[in-house]
Amino acid sequence: MSNKLIVFMLAIATNISVARADEATPDTPPAAAEAAKKTALDINDVRAFAAVFALVKQAYVEPVDDRTLLQSAVKGMLANLDPHSEYLDEKAMSDLSEDTTGSYNGLGIEVLTVEGTLRVVAPIDDSPAERGGIKAGDTIVRIDGKPITAENANEASNMLRGKVGTEVTLSVVHEGASAPVDVKLTRQTIRVASVRARWIELGYAYLRIAQFQEDTGGEVKRKLAKLRDKNQPVKGLVLDLRSNPGGLLTSAVEVSDDFLDSGVIVTTRGRLKQSDLAFHATPGDLIDGAPIVVLADNGTASAAEIVAGALKDNHRALIMGRRTFGKGSVQTVLPLDDTHAIKLTTARYYTPSGISIQAEGIKPDIELGDLKLVARDTPPSFITGERDLPNHLKGTNEKSGDEDKPEARGNTDDYALTEAVNVLKGLALQHKPVDGKG
């Protein structure tokens, strides 16, 4: 390492130490002076860093240039703060931009680096990862046979992306299992459909948000408006946030506001004044106060938890399912130059009731197991009442044909959705329509 670089590092250390020491004056309280002393950077720490830098430079088995070593030091500094702070080079910045716009090449899987492994936050709907059986809570321990360690975990996450059509084998430990299984997946262009909406049955709407992207708020408005174009009032809504890994804070606020007339949506608090923010709902509810059931699970994270927390604490929705992931922190992208930046955790966010859900998650109002409905072992009976008997006596108000039969529910293997609709119907009976609507 050049002498100039060592001198530069020592100069930085000296300046930091002096600046922090200057904070203590004769009028400074003893406790504050002690705190300033503890935060002062010891010049010996920088000397140790410079010595390690020089030894690696001189004695490592293969040549390493100064730039690579410094970038590795920066990455290590950020990686040891928390799982979400990281150094972004040009490729990482491009990947981040793709995530927020919803199109990239890869497997369709959101992961976190946890203790030298890749923990699955959530697979994206209709992606190779979801079709391959990858679920929230799974742990990836090897990629193409290469073990994932604390040293290479950040780089390993980049191996999930790649050229369309290429194959990759993941060794995955499913939640609750003791041994990994190999899952072979083929990369494809992932186009995340942020919002999907449909009628579950007459009057009851289903809204699925897979990820909070730049235009998610606008998409919610458009999809619900399209449903209501059929002159069918919304009696109740199932908002499905299962396996939603989050996304943009601003989009989460906009979606929350779509269903609230007033109240706090979320607040953020950090060390810097500009990190202290409060977001409030504005008048206007897209479904005129009709009841909402939010489906959540352990893959519901970050921005999705903001929406769940806002609707729950404002008594606007019931949460059903499993405890959410518990990512209650806010990351800010701070540019270093045109092609490099750091993504830094700058604040915690708090639900309207003032609770931080960091590492705790949001507990559902109605807890459900991770169950699935299956076909009966015995043949189904097609006789459900008097009118199913042959040659039965017609009722006074009985219609001919299938006109009065309920619509097919769809997704009959989705236990949580079925239960959500049942609860929604009960809530709808208590709901008083606004101005004759609903």
Protein backbone atom coordinates (compact mmCIF):
# COMPACT_ATOMS: atom_id res chain seq x y z
CA MET A 1 0.00 0.00 0.00
CA SER A 2 1.34 3.45 -0.85
CA ASN A 3 2.63 5.75 1.89
CA LYS A 4 0.24 8.43 0.65
CA LEU A 5 -2.74 6.21 1.38
CA ILE A 6 -1.50 5.41 4.89
CA VAL A 7 -0.93 9.10 5.60
CA PHE A 8 -4.43 9.87 4.28
CA MET A 9 -6.01 7.28 6.61
CA LEU A 10 -4.07 8.54 9.61
CA ALA A 11 -5.08 12.12 8.80
CA ILE A 12 -8.74 11.10 8.73
CA ALA A 13 -8.38 9.34 12.07
CA THR A 14 -6.63 12.32 13.63
CA ASN A 15 -9.27 14.76 12.36
CA ILE A 16 -12.13 12.62 13.64
CA SER A 17 -10.53 12.17 17.04
CA VAL A 18 -9.75 15.88 17.40
CA ALA A 19 -13.21 16.94 16.22
CA ARG A 20 -14.92 14.66 18.70
CA ALA A 21 -12.56 15.61 21.52
CA ASP A 22 -13.33 19.28 20.84
CA GLU A 23 -16.98 18.57 21.60
CA ALA A 24 -16.10 18.32 25.30
CA THR A 25 -15.55 21.69 27.00
CA PRO A 26 -15.17 22.68 30.65
CA ASP A 27 -18.93 23.30 30.70
CA THR A 28 -19.76 19.88 29.27
CA PRO A 29 -21.54 17.60 31.77
CA PRO A 30 -19.38 14.64 32.88
CA ALA A 31 -21.79 12.08 31.35
CA ALA A 32 -21.71 13.84 27.98
CA ALA A 33 -17.92 14.14 28.10
CA GLU A 34 -17.63 10.42 28.85
CA ALA A 35 -19.95 9.60 25.93
CA ALA A 36 -17.88 11.77 23.58
CA LYS A 37 -14.74 10.01 24.76
CA LYS A 38 -16.23 6.59 24.03
CA THR A 39 -17.24 7.59 20.46
CA ALA A 40 -13.88 9.14 19.63
CA LEU A 41 -11.98 7.09 17.07
CA ASP A 42 -8.69 5.84 18.49
CA ILE A 43 -5.84 6.48 16.10
CA ASN A 44 -4.49 3.02 17.01
CA ASP A 45 -7.58 1.47 15.39
CA VAL A 46 -6.74 3.16 12.10
CA ARG A 47 -3.10 2.13 12.43
CA ALA A 48 -4.29 -1.46 12.89
CA PHE A 49 -6.47 -1.17 9.79
CA ALA A 50 -3.58 0.27 7.79
CA ALA A 51 -1.30 -2.53 9.00
CA VAL A 52 -3.81 -5.23 7.99
CA PHE A 53 -4.28 -3.51 4.64
CA ALA A 54 -0.52 -3.50 4.05
CA LEU A 55 -0.08 -7.14 5.11
CA VAL A 56 -2.87 -8.34 2.81
CA LYS A 57 -1.41 -6.27 0.00
CA GLN A 58 2.08 -7.74 0.50
CA ALA A 59 1.48 -11.33 1.62
CA TYR A 60 -1.84 -12.55 0.24
CA VAL A 61 -1.42 -15.57 -2.04
CA GLU A 62 -2.67 -13.63 -5.09
CA PRO A 63 -2.21 -9.94 -5.96
CA VAL A 64 -5.04 -7.66 -4.80
CA ASP A 65 -5.29 -4.03 -5.89
CA ASP A 66 -6.00 -1.15 -3.51
CA ARG A 67 -9.42 -0.42 -5.00
CA THR A 68 -10.66 -3.99 -4.46
CA LEU A 69 -9.43 -4.02 -0.87
CA LEU A 70 -11.02 -0.68 -0.03
CA GLN A 71 -14.34 -1.69 -1.57
CA SER A 72 -14.26 -4.95 0.42
CA ALA A 73 -13.62 -2.95 3.58
CA VAL A 74 -16.60 -0.70 2.85
CA LYS A 75 -18.84 -3.70 2.13
CA GLY A 76 -17.77 -5.35 5.36
CA MET A 77 -18.41 -2.16 7.33
CA LEU A 78 -22.00 -1.95 6.07
CA ALA A 79 -22.71 -5.69 6.21
CA ASN A 80 -21.92 -5.73 9.92
CA LEU A 81 -24.48 -3.02 10.70
CA ASP A 82 -27.64 -4.96 9.81
CA PRO A 83 -28.90 -7.27 7.02
CA HIS A 84 -30.32 -4.40 4.95
CA SER A 85 -27.45 -1.90 4.77
CA GLU A 86 -25.11 -2.49 1.83
CA TYR A 87 -22.72 -0.98 -0.66
CA LEU A 88 -24.21 -0.61 -4.14
CA ASP A 89 -21.96 -0.77 -7.17
CA GLU A 90 -23.25 -0.05 -10.65
CA LYS A 91 -24.82 -3.50 -11.09
CA ALA A 92 -26.43 -3.48 -7.65
CA MET A 93 -27.94 -0.05 -8.34
CA SER A 94 -29.34 -1.37 -11.62
CA ASP A 95 -30.80 -4.41 -9.82
CA LEU A 96 -32.42 -2.13 -7.24
CA SER A 97 -34.00 -0.05 -9.98
CA GLU A 98 -35.33 -3.20 -11.66
CA ASP A 99 -36.90 -4.34 -8.40
CA THR A 100 -38.89 -1.15 -8.02
CA THR A 101 -40.07 -1.19 -11.65
CA GLY A 102 -40.88 -4.90 -11.55
CA SER A 103 -38.86 -6.44 -14.39
CA TYR A 104 -35.55 -8.33 -14.24
CA ASN A 105 -33.90 -11.64 -15.18
CA GLY A 106 -33.66 -14.24 -12.44
CA LEU A 107 -35.61 -16.67 -10.29
CA GLY A 108 -38.16 -14.34 -8.69
CA ILE A 109 -37.06 -14.67 -5.10
CA GLU A 110 -36.47 -12.11 -2.33
CA VAL A 111 -33.69 -13.10 0.08
CA LEU A 112 -31.84 -11.76 3.11
CA THR A 113 -28.34 -12.57 4.29
CA VAL A 114 -28.72 -14.12 7.75
CA GLU A 115 -25.81 -15.72 9.63
CA GLY A 116 -23.97 -16.81 6.52
CA THR A 117 -27.02 -18.14 4.70
CA LEU A 118 -29.67 -16.77 2.37
CA ARG A 119 -33.05 -16.66 4.08
CA VAL A 120 -36.08 -16.52 1.77
CA VAL A 121 -38.35 -13.59 2.54
CA ALA A 122 -40.81 -14.52 -0.19
CA PRO A 123 -41.01 -15.96 -3.70
CA ILE A 124 -42.69 -13.78 -6.30
CA ASP A 125 -46.03 -14.89 -7.71
CA ASP A 126 -45.81 -17.21 -10.74
CA SER A 127 -42.00 -17.16 -10.74
CA PRO A 128 -39.58 -20.11 -11.17
CA ALA A 129 -38.96 -19.98 -7.41
CA GLU A 130 -42.65 -20.25 -6.53
CA ARG A 131 -43.27 -23.01 -9.09
CA GLY A 132 -40.25 -24.88 -7.73
CA GLY A 133 -41.75 -24.98 -4.23
CA ILE A 134 -39.60 -22.28 -2.62
CA LYS A 135 -41.49 -20.72 0.32
CA ALA A 136 -41.09 -17.90 2.80
CA GLY A 137 -38.85 -18.99 5.67
CA ASP A 138 -36.78 -21.43 3.59
CA THR A 139 -32.98 -21.25 3.81
CA ILE A 140 -30.66 -21.53 0.79
CA VAL A 141 -27.39 -23.17 1.86
CA ARG A 142 -25.76 -23.89 -1.53
CA ILE A 143 -25.98 -22.54 -5.08
CA ASP A 144 -24.81 -24.93 -7.81
CA GLY A 145 -23.05 -26.94 -5.11
CA LYS A 146 -21.11 -23.95 -3.76
CA PRO A 147 -21.69 -23.52 0.00
CA ILE A 148 -22.90 -20.12 1.15
CA THR A 149 -20.84 -18.66 3.98
CA ALA A 150 -20.75 -15.38 5.90
CA GLU A 151 -17.90 -14.28 3.62
CA ASN A 152 -19.62 -14.87 0.28
CA ALA A 153 -23.32 -14.51 1.17
CA ASN A 154 -23.68 -11.06 -0.39
CA GLU A 155 -22.08 -12.19 -3.64
CA ALA A 156 -24.09 -15.43 -3.58
CA SER A 157 -27.38 -13.50 -3.74
CA ASN A 158 -26.24 -12.06 -7.09
CA MET A 159 -25.93 -15.63 -8.43
CA LEU A 160 -29.71 -15.95 -8.31
CA ARG A 161 -29.93 -13.58 -11.26
CA GLY A 162 -28.54 -14.31 -14.67
CA LYS A 163 -29.19 -14.88 -18.33
CA VAL A 164 -32.66 -16.04 -19.32
CA GLY A 165 -32.81 -19.79 -19.93
CA THR A 166 -29.82 -20.70 -17.76
CA GLU A 167 -30.29 -23.26 -15.00
CA VAL A 168 -29.26 -23.09 -11.38
CA THR A 169 -29.56 -25.66 -8.59
CA LEU A 170 -30.42 -24.43 -5.11
CA SER A 171 -29.90 -26.55 -2.00
CA VAL A 172 -32.80 -25.50 0.19
CA VAL A 173 -33.74 -26.30 3.76
CA HIS A 174 -37.50 -25.91 3.96
CA GLU A 175 -38.94 -24.42 7.12
CA GLY A 176 -39.23 -27.14 9.75
CA ALA A 177 -36.99 -29.58 7.84
CA SER A 178 -33.58 -30.80 9.02
CA ALA A 179 -31.88 -31.57 5.71
CA PRO A 180 -31.59 -29.65 2.43
CA VAL A 181 -33.17 -30.69 -0.85
CA ASP A 182 -31.91 -29.74 -4.30
CA VAL A 183 -34.23 -27.63 -6.44
CA LYS A 184 -33.30 -27.06 -10.10
CA LEU A 185 -34.70 -23.81 -11.51
CA THR A 186 -34.46 -22.03 -14.86
CA ARG A 187 -33.99 -18.28 -14.91
CA GLN A 188 -36.52 -16.20 -16.80
CA THR A 189 -37.55 -12.59 -17.21
CA ILE A 190 -39.49 -11.75 -14.07
CA ARG A 191 -42.28 -9.31 -14.69
CA VAL A 192 -43.95 -8.80 -11.37
CA ALA A 193 -47.66 -8.13 -11.68
CA SER A 194 -47.84 -5.83 -8.69
CA VAL A 195 -51.65 -5.87 -8.41
CA ARG A 196 -54.35 -8.36 -9.39
CA ALA A 197 -58.05 -8.03 -8.67
CA ARG A 198 -61.16 -10.13 -9.29
CA TRP A 199 -64.53 -11.00 -7.83
CA ILE A 200 -64.42 -13.98 -5.48
CA GLU A 201 -68.17 -14.12 -5.64
CA LEU A 202 -70.95 -11.59 -6.03
CA GLY A 203 -70.11 -8.48 -4.01
CA TYR A 204 -66.86 -9.79 -2.52
CA ALA A 205 -63.63 -8.63 -4.14
CA TYR A 206 -60.13 -10.08 -4.00
CA LEU A 207 -57.11 -7.77 -4.27
CA ARG A 208 -53.64 -9.30 -4.45
CA ILE A 209 -50.56 -7.06 -4.04
CA ALA A 210 -47.38 -9.01 -4.75
CA GLN A 211 -44.88 -6.18 -4.25
CA PHE A 212 -44.93 -2.42 -3.69
CA GLN A 213 -43.53 -0.85 -6.84
CA GLU A 214 -43.56 2.71 -8.18
CA ASP A 215 -47.09 2.54 -9.60
CA THR A 216 -48.73 0.13 -7.13
CA GLY A 217 -50.99 2.82 -5.66
CA GLY A 218 -52.27 3.80 -9.10
CA GLU A 219 -52.75 0.16 -10.08
CA VAL A 220 -54.92 -0.47 -7.00
CA LYS A 221 -57.18 2.43 -7.96
CA ARG A 222 -57.46 1.30 -11.58
CA LYS A 223 -58.14 -2.37 -10.77
CA LEU A 224 -60.86 -1.60 -8.22
CA ALA A 225 -62.44 0.98 -10.53
CA LYS A 226 -62.58 -1.67 -13.28
CA LEU A 227 -64.38 -4.08 -10.94
CA ARG A 228 -66.90 -1.43 -9.96
CA ASP A 229 -67.55 -0.53 -13.60
CA LYS A 230 -69.83 -3.54 -13.61
CA ASN A 231 -72.17 -1.62 -11.28
CA GLN A 232 -71.54 -4.16 -8.57
CA PRO A 233 -70.97 -2.57 -5.15
CA VAL A 234 -68.17 -3.94 -3.00
CA LYS A 235 -69.66 -5.56 0.10
CA GLY A 236 -66.26 -6.69 1.35
CA LEU A 237 -62.62 -6.98 0.27
CA VAL A 238 -59.90 -9.57 0.86
CA LEU A 239 -56.51 -7.83 0.64
CA ASP A 240 -53.89 -10.54 0.09
CA LEU A 241 -50.42 -9.51 1.29
CA ARG A 242 -49.06 -13.02 1.78
CA SER A 243 -45.43 -13.45 0.70
CA ASN A 244 -45.22 -9.77 -0.20
CA PRO A 245 -41.57 -8.80 0.50
CA GLY A 246 -42.33 -5.08 0.59
CA GLY A 247 -40.92 -2.37 -1.64
CA LEU A 248 -41.38 1.40 -1.66
CA LEU A 249 -42.55 3.20 1.48
CA THR A 250 -44.37 5.81 -0.60
CA SER A 251 -46.41 3.13 -2.38
CA ALA A 252 -47.35 1.51 0.94
CA VAL A 253 -48.56 4.88 2.22
CA GLU A 254 -50.61 5.47 -0.94
CA VAL A 255 -52.29 2.05 -0.75
CA SER A 256 -53.10 2.53 2.94
CA ASP A 257 -54.61 5.92 2.14
CA ASP A 258 -56.83 4.28 -0.50
CA PHE A 259 -58.83 2.62 2.29
CA LEU A 260 -58.62 5.23 5.06
CA ASP A 261 -60.50 8.52 5.48
CA SER A 262 -58.31 9.85 8.28
CA GLY A 263 -55.69 8.92 10.86
CA VAL A 264 -51.98 8.24 10.99
CA ILE A 265 -50.63 5.71 8.47
CA VAL A 266 -47.04 5.39 9.66
CA THR A 267 -44.31 7.40 11.37
CA THR A 268 -40.55 7.06 11.02
CA ARG A 269 -37.87 8.07 13.50
CA GLY A 270 -34.10 8.10 13.15
CA ARG A 271 -31.03 9.98 14.35
CA LEU A 272 -31.26 12.65 11.67
CA LYS A 273 -34.05 15.22 11.80
CA GLN A 274 -35.04 14.52 8.19
CA SER A 275 -35.68 10.89 9.13
CA ASP A 276 -38.54 11.91 11.46
CA LEU A 277 -41.64 11.77 9.29
CA ALA A 278 -45.36 11.24 9.79
CA PHE A 279 -47.81 10.21 7.07
CA HIS A 280 -51.55 10.85 7.47
CA ALA A 281 -54.54 9.58 5.51
CA THR A 282 -56.62 11.93 3.39
CA PRO A 283 -60.43 11.79 2.94
CA GLY A 284 -61.68 9.20 0.47
CA ASP A 285 -62.13 5.44 0.74
CA LEU A 286 -62.16 3.44 -2.49
CA ILE A 287 -64.71 0.95 -1.14
CA ASP A 288 -66.80 3.33 0.99
CA GLY A 289 -65.98 1.72 4.33
CA ALA A 290 -66.85 -1.86 3.31
CA PRO A 291 -65.10 -4.37 5.60
CA ILE A 292 -61.59 -5.61 4.79
CA VAL A 293 -59.78 -8.80 5.76
CA VAL A 294 -56.01 -8.71 5.23
CA LEU A 295 -54.26 -12.04 4.62
CA ALA A 296 -50.68 -12.10 5.96
CA ASP A 297 -47.96 -14.65 6.65
CA ASN A 298 -44.31 -14.82 7.63
CA GLY A 299 -43.38 -13.59 4.15
CA THR A 300 -45.34 -10.35 4.60
CA ALA A 301 -42.54 -7.84 5.14
CA SER A 302 -41.52 -4.19 5.19
CA ALA A 303 -43.90 -2.02 3.13
CA ALA A 304 -46.55 -4.77 3.29
CA GLU A 305 -46.34 -4.63 7.08
CA ILE A 306 -46.84 -0.86 6.96
CA VAL A 307 -50.17 -1.39 5.17
CA ALA A 308 -51.24 -4.20 7.51
CA GLY A 309 -50.29 -2.14 10.57
CA ALA A 310 -52.05 1.01 9.32
CA LEU A 311 -55.32 -0.81 8.55
CA LYS A 312 -55.21 -2.79 11.80
CA ASP A 313 -54.40 0.10 14.16
CA ASN A 314 -57.01 2.34 12.53
CA HIS A 315 -59.59 -0.45 13.05
CA ARG A 316 -60.16 -0.57 9.32
CA ALA A 317 -59.35 -4.25 8.75
CA LEU A 318 -58.93 -7.61 10.44
CA ILE A 319 -55.60 -9.37 9.94
CA MET A 320 -55.79 -13.12 9.31
CA GLY A 321 -53.06 -15.69 8.89
CA ARG A 322 -49.63 -15.84 10.52
CA ARG A 323 -47.32 -13.37 12.27
CA THR A 324 -45.57 -11.14 9.73
CA PHE A 325 -41.82 -11.04 9.01
CA GLY A 326 -40.90 -8.14 11.31
CA LYS A 327 -38.85 -5.78 9.12
CA GLY A 328 -39.55 -2.45 10.78
CA SER A 329 -36.69 -0.37 9.40
CA VAL A 330 -36.35 2.18 6.61
CA GLN A 331 -33.46 2.18 4.13
CA THR A 332 -32.27 5.27 2.28
CA VAL A 333 -30.13 5.14 -0.87
CA LEU A 334 -27.32 7.69 -0.47
CA PRO A 335 -25.38 8.31 -3.70
CA LEU A 336 -21.58 8.41 -3.60
CA ASP A 337 -21.23 9.29 -7.29
CA ASP A 338 -23.09 8.58 -10.54
CA THR A 339 -22.62 4.83 -10.35
CA HIS A 340 -22.12 4.01 -6.66
CA ALA A 341 -24.19 4.45 -3.52
CA ILE A 342 -24.85 2.98 -0.12
CA LYS A 343 -28.20 1.67 1.05
CA LEU A 344 -28.27 2.61 4.72
CA THR A 345 -30.79 1.89 7.45
CA THR A 346 -31.70 5.40 8.60
CA ALA A 347 -34.89 5.00 10.64
CA ARG A 348 -37.35 2.69 12.32
CA TYR A 349 -41.00 2.93 11.41
CA TYR A 350 -43.88 2.82 13.84
CA THR A 351 -47.49 1.78 13.34
CA PRO A 352 -50.23 4.32 14.16
CA SER A 353 -50.39 3.06 17.75
CA GLY A 354 -46.69 3.90 18.15
CA ILE A 355 -45.41 0.32 18.08
CA SER A 356 -42.19 -0.70 16.35
CA ILE A 357 -42.63 -4.10 14.73
CA GLN A 358 -38.88 -4.56 14.18
CA ALA A 359 -38.09 -8.27 14.72
CA GLU A 360 -41.56 -8.71 16.26
CA GLY A 361 -43.88 -8.58 13.26
CA ILE A 362 -47.61 -7.97 13.36
CA LYS A 363 -49.68 -10.53 15.19
CA PRO A 364 -52.85 -11.46 13.29
CA ASP A 365 -56.25 -10.84 14.84
CA ILE A 366 -57.25 -14.31 13.69
CA GLU A 367 -54.41 -16.81 13.51
CA LEU A 368 -54.47 -19.56 10.88
CA GLY A 369 -52.21 -22.52 10.36
CA ASP A 370 -50.45 -23.05 7.05
CA LEU A 371 -53.12 -25.45 5.84
CA LYS A 372 -54.47 -26.46 2.47
CA LEU A 373 -57.83 -27.92 1.53
CA VAL A 374 -57.63 -31.26 -0.27
CA ALA A 375 -60.11 -33.41 -2.14
CA ARG A 376 -62.32 -35.69 -0.08
CA ASP A 377 -61.56 -39.39 -0.02
CA THR A 378 -65.22 -40.18 -0.72
CA PRO A 379 -67.12 -39.12 -3.82
CA PRO A 380 -68.89 -35.75 -3.41
CA SER A 381 -72.62 -35.72 -2.86
CA PHE A 382 -74.62 -33.68 -5.34
CA ILE A 383 -77.73 -33.70 -3.15
CA THR A 384 -77.48 -30.63 -0.91
CA GLY A 385 -81.19 -30.04 -0.34
CA GLU A 386 -84.78 -30.73 -1.40
CA ARG A 387 -84.40 -29.08 -4.78
CA ASP A 388 -81.62 -31.53 -5.75
CA LEU A 389 -84.01 -34.50 -5.50
CA PRO A 390 -85.43 -35.69 -8.81
CA ASN A 391 -89.05 -34.68 -9.49
CA HIS A 392 -89.15 -32.47 -6.36
CA LEU A 393 -92.09 -30.13 -5.86
CA LYS A 394 -91.19 -26.71 -7.23
CA GLY A 395 -90.89 -23.86 -4.74
CA THR A 396 -92.90 -20.66 -5.25
CA ASN A 397 -89.77 -18.53 -5.85
CA GLU A 398 -87.59 -21.24 -7.38
CA LYS A 399 -85.93 -20.26 -10.63
CA SER A 400 -85.30 -22.60 -13.50
CA GLY A 401 -81.90 -23.87 -14.51
CA ASP A 402 -78.79 -22.70 -12.71
CA GLU A 403 -79.71 -19.03 -12.40
CA ASP A 404 -79.99 -19.04 -8.61
CA LYS A 405 -76.94 -21.18 -7.92
CA PRO A 406 -73.99 -19.35 -6.29
CA GLU A 407 -70.92 -18.64 -8.37
CA ALA A 408 -68.03 -21.05 -8.03
CA ARG A 409 -65.77 -19.83 -5.24
CA GLY A 410 -62.53 -20.64 -7.03
CA ASN A 411 -59.28 -21.35 -5.18
CA THR A 412 -61.02 -24.05 -3.15
CA ASP A 413 -57.61 -25.33 -2.06
CA ASP A 414 -56.77 -21.95 -0.48
CA TYR A 415 -57.79 -22.50 3.13
CA ALA A 416 -56.87 -18.98 4.30
CA LEU A 417 -58.82 -17.31 1.49
CA THR A 418 -61.87 -19.47 2.17
CA GLU A 419 -61.79 -18.55 5.86
CA ALA A 420 -61.27 -14.87 5.01
CA VAL A 421 -64.41 -14.84 2.86
CA ASN A 422 -66.41 -16.46 5.65
CA VAL A 423 -65.29 -13.79 8.12
CA LEU A 424 -65.86 -11.06 5.55
CA LYS A 425 -69.48 -12.10 5.09
CA GLY A 426 -70.05 -11.85 8.82
CA LEU A 427 -68.53 -8.37 8.90
CA ALA A 428 -70.57 -7.30 5.89
CA LEU A 429 -73.81 -8.08 7.75
CA GLN A 430 -72.83 -5.49 10.35
CA HIS A 431 -71.68 -2.85 7.85
CA LYS A 432 -73.97 0.09 7.18
CA PRO A 433 -73.58 1.29 3.58
CA VAL A 434 -72.51 4.91 3.08
CA ASP A 435 -75.20 6.99 1.31
CA GLY A 436 -76.97 3.87 0.12
CA LYS A 437 -73.82 2.40 -1.42
CA GLY A 438 -72.61 -1.16 -0.86
